[in-house]
Amino acid sequence: MNTGTTSWADFRTAEPALADAVRRRFEEHTHHVLATLRRDGSPRVSGLEITFLGGEVYLGMMPGSWKAKDLLRDPRFSLHANPGTVESMADGDARISGRAVEVTAGAEFDRFREAAGPPPGEFHLFRADLGEAVRTRVDGAELVVESWRPGAPATTRRRS
């Protein structure tokens, strides 16, 4: 089990081909679907834009939003790439999950603001501490699921 933090750069170093495929899916569209946990433990899904920057994945959101409140209380998340259209699914489907680490000030926060441009107002910023990345695609008549977790090599499962 991973006890430290795992960045996007760590994932890319461990599994470059899978990391690149997952990133392509996230960069294909701007908006994605974030799953967080409500206070009662039930899931909440919300739209979200993400930013890849400096070997990290950042989740930005409006202050006081329910998804931000969820992550402040329980940092576990899952983020599903926008599937787009059937035509845009040639590279498959992608998802990352892990824990959201709030970034409130300092050099990391300043780098994000500088690179992302001025936001329209105040915002919550979280860095993704990756716990899993998954790519699902169809290859001929087979469903192919590639997954990676920190500290282990990627696995591939095929199902007809």
Protein backbone atom coordinates (compact mmCIF):
# COMPACT_ATOMS: atom_id res chain seq x y z
CA MET A 1 0.00 0.00 0.00
CA ASN A 2 1.25 3.49 -0.86
CA THR A 3 1.83 5.59 2.24
CA GLY A 4 3.45 8.62 0.57
CA THR A 5 2.15 10.91 -2.10
CA THR A 6 2.11 9.93 -5.73
CA SER A 7 2.23 12.61 -8.40
CA TRP A 8 1.35 12.44 -12.06
CA ALA A 9 5.11 12.55 -12.74
CA ASP A 10 5.56 9.43 -10.58
CA PHE A 11 2.87 7.65 -12.61
CA ARG A 12 4.45 8.76 -15.88
CA THR A 13 7.88 7.55 -14.76
CA ALA A 14 6.47 4.15 -13.76
CA GLU A 15 4.18 3.61 -16.76
CA PRO A 16 4.80 6.20 -19.51
CA ALA A 17 2.62 4.66 -22.25
CA LEU A 18 -0.40 4.22 -19.97
CA ALA A 19 0.07 7.68 -18.39
CA ASP A 20 0.24 9.29 -21.83
CA ALA A 21 -2.91 7.46 -23.00
CA VAL A 22 -4.82 8.49 -19.87
CA ARG A 23 -3.67 12.10 -20.17
CA ARG A 24 -4.70 12.25 -23.84
CA ARG A 25 -8.23 11.23 -22.83
CA PHE A 26 -8.38 13.97 -20.20
CA GLU A 27 -7.01 16.56 -22.62
CA GLU A 28 -9.49 15.62 -25.35
CA HIS A 29 -12.24 17.59 -23.54
CA THR A 30 -12.29 20.36 -20.96
CA HIS A 31 -15.00 19.14 -18.59
CA HIS A 32 -14.93 15.87 -16.67
CA VAL A 33 -16.91 14.15 -13.91
CA LEU A 34 -15.64 14.21 -10.32
CA ALA A 35 -17.02 11.79 -7.74
CA THR A 36 -16.71 12.76 -4.08
CA LEU A 37 -18.29 11.46 -0.88
CA ARG A 38 -21.10 13.31 0.85
CA ARG A 39 -21.21 13.57 4.63
CA ASP A 40 -23.51 10.50 4.77
CA GLY A 41 -21.10 8.47 2.59
CA SER A 42 -23.20 8.51 -0.54
CA PRO A 43 -21.56 9.58 -3.80
CA ARG A 44 -21.80 13.03 -5.32
CA VAL A 45 -20.86 13.64 -8.97
CA SER A 46 -19.97 17.08 -10.26
CA GLY A 47 -18.49 18.63 -13.35
CA LEU A 48 -14.87 19.74 -13.11
CA GLU A 49 -11.98 21.10 -15.15
CA ILE A 50 -8.46 19.87 -14.35
CA THR A 51 -4.98 21.18 -15.02
CA PHE A 52 -1.81 19.20 -15.69
CA LEU A 53 1.08 21.31 -14.45
CA GLY A 54 4.63 20.57 -13.36
CA GLY A 55 4.12 16.83 -13.06
CA GLU A 56 0.92 17.19 -11.03
CA VAL A 57 -2.84 17.11 -11.62
CA TYR A 58 -4.77 20.00 -10.08
CA LEU A 59 -8.46 20.25 -9.33
CA GLY A 60 -9.78 23.79 -9.06
CA MET A 61 -13.25 24.72 -7.85
CA MET A 62 -15.36 27.55 -6.53
CA PRO A 63 -15.09 28.30 -2.81
CA GLY A 64 -17.92 26.85 -0.79
CA SER A 65 -18.91 24.40 -3.54
CA TRP A 66 -20.28 21.08 -2.32
CA LYS A 67 -17.47 19.18 -4.04
CA ALA A 68 -14.86 21.33 -2.26
CA LYS A 69 -16.62 20.81 1.08
CA ASP A 70 -16.71 17.07 0.39
CA LEU A 71 -12.96 16.96 -0.34
CA LEU A 72 -12.09 19.04 2.70
CA ARG A 73 -14.00 16.57 4.89
CA ASP A 74 -12.97 13.36 3.07
CA PRO A 75 -10.25 13.72 0.42
CA ARG A 76 -11.07 10.55 -1.52
CA PHE A 77 -12.11 11.16 -5.12
CA SER A 78 -12.50 9.54 -8.50
CA LEU A 79 -12.30 11.52 -11.71
CA HIS A 80 -13.73 10.17 -14.94
CA ALA A 81 -12.62 11.68 -18.26
CA ASN A 82 -15.38 13.10 -20.40
CA PRO A 83 -16.24 10.27 -22.79
CA GLY A 84 -17.25 12.67 -25.56
CA THR A 85 -18.77 11.00 -28.59
CA VAL A 86 -18.49 7.47 -29.93
CA GLU A 87 -16.03 8.80 -32.51
CA SER A 88 -13.78 10.30 -29.81
CA MET A 89 -13.65 7.02 -27.85
CA ALA A 90 -11.07 5.38 -30.13
CA ASP A 91 -8.46 5.75 -27.35
CA GLY A 92 -10.83 4.32 -24.79
CA ASP A 93 -12.05 5.60 -21.48
CA ALA A 94 -9.95 6.91 -18.57
CA ARG A 95 -10.28 7.40 -14.83
CA ILE A 96 -7.97 8.43 -12.01
CA SER A 97 -8.65 8.24 -8.30
CA GLY A 98 -6.89 8.97 -5.07
CA ARG A 99 -6.85 11.70 -2.47
CA ALA A 100 -7.17 15.45 -2.97
CA VAL A 101 -4.56 17.51 -1.10
CA GLU A 102 -5.61 21.11 -0.52
CA VAL A 103 -3.11 23.75 -1.69
CA THR A 104 -3.78 27.10 -0.03
CA ALA A 105 -0.62 29.19 -0.32
CA GLY A 106 3.08 29.14 -1.03
CA ALA A 107 5.19 28.48 -4.09
CA GLU A 108 2.98 25.68 -5.42
CA PHE A 109 -0.16 27.84 -5.21
CA ASP A 110 1.67 30.78 -6.83
CA ARG A 111 2.97 28.57 -9.70
CA PHE A 112 -0.55 27.36 -10.37
CA ARG A 113 -2.00 30.90 -10.41
CA GLU A 114 0.77 32.12 -12.70
CA ALA A 115 0.43 29.24 -15.17
CA ALA A 116 -3.36 29.00 -15.15
CA GLY A 117 -3.95 32.73 -15.44
CA PRO A 118 -6.02 34.88 -13.15
CA PRO A 119 -9.18 33.11 -11.98
CA PRO A 120 -12.46 35.04 -11.99
CA GLY A 121 -12.40 35.10 -8.18
CA GLU A 122 -11.38 33.10 -5.16
CA PHE A 123 -11.07 29.35 -5.58
CA HIS A 124 -10.19 26.10 -3.87
CA LEU A 125 -7.18 24.27 -5.26
CA PHE A 126 -6.40 20.62 -4.71
CA ARG A 127 -3.48 18.50 -5.94
CA ALA A 128 -4.30 14.90 -6.87
CA ASP A 129 -2.40 12.29 -4.87
CA LEU A 130 -2.88 9.37 -7.24
CA GLY A 131 -4.01 6.01 -5.94
CA GLU A 132 -5.07 4.46 -9.24
CA ALA A 133 -5.29 5.13 -12.97
CA VAL A 134 -7.44 3.06 -15.32
CA ARG A 135 -7.85 2.96 -19.08
CA THR A 136 -10.63 0.87 -20.61
CA ARG A 137 -10.82 0.28 -24.34
CA VAL A 138 -12.11 -2.12 -26.96
CA ASP A 139 -9.57 -4.07 -29.02
CA GLY A 140 -11.33 -6.12 -31.70
CA ALA A 141 -13.86 -8.25 -29.82
CA GLU A 142 -12.14 -7.80 -26.46
CA LEU A 143 -12.63 -5.33 -23.64
CA VAL A 144 -9.18 -4.33 -22.37
CA VAL A 145 -8.72 -2.82 -18.91
CA GLU A 146 -5.29 -1.42 -18.07
CA SER A 147 -4.78 -0.29 -14.49
CA TRP A 148 -1.96 1.03 -12.35
CA ARG A 149 -1.49 1.58 -8.64
CA PRO A 150 1.55 3.15 -6.97
CA GLY A 151 4.33 0.71 -6.17
CA ALA A 152 3.16 -1.97 -8.61
CA PRO A 153 3.44 -2.49 -12.35
CA ALA A 154 0.44 -1.86 -14.55
CA THR A 155 -1.86 -4.79 -15.17
CA THR A 156 -3.92 -5.61 -18.24
CA ARG A 157 -7.09 -7.67 -18.16
CA ARG A 158 -8.88 -8.82 -21.31
CA ARG A 159 -12.45 -10.02 -21.58
CA SER A 160 -14.26 -11.32 -24.65
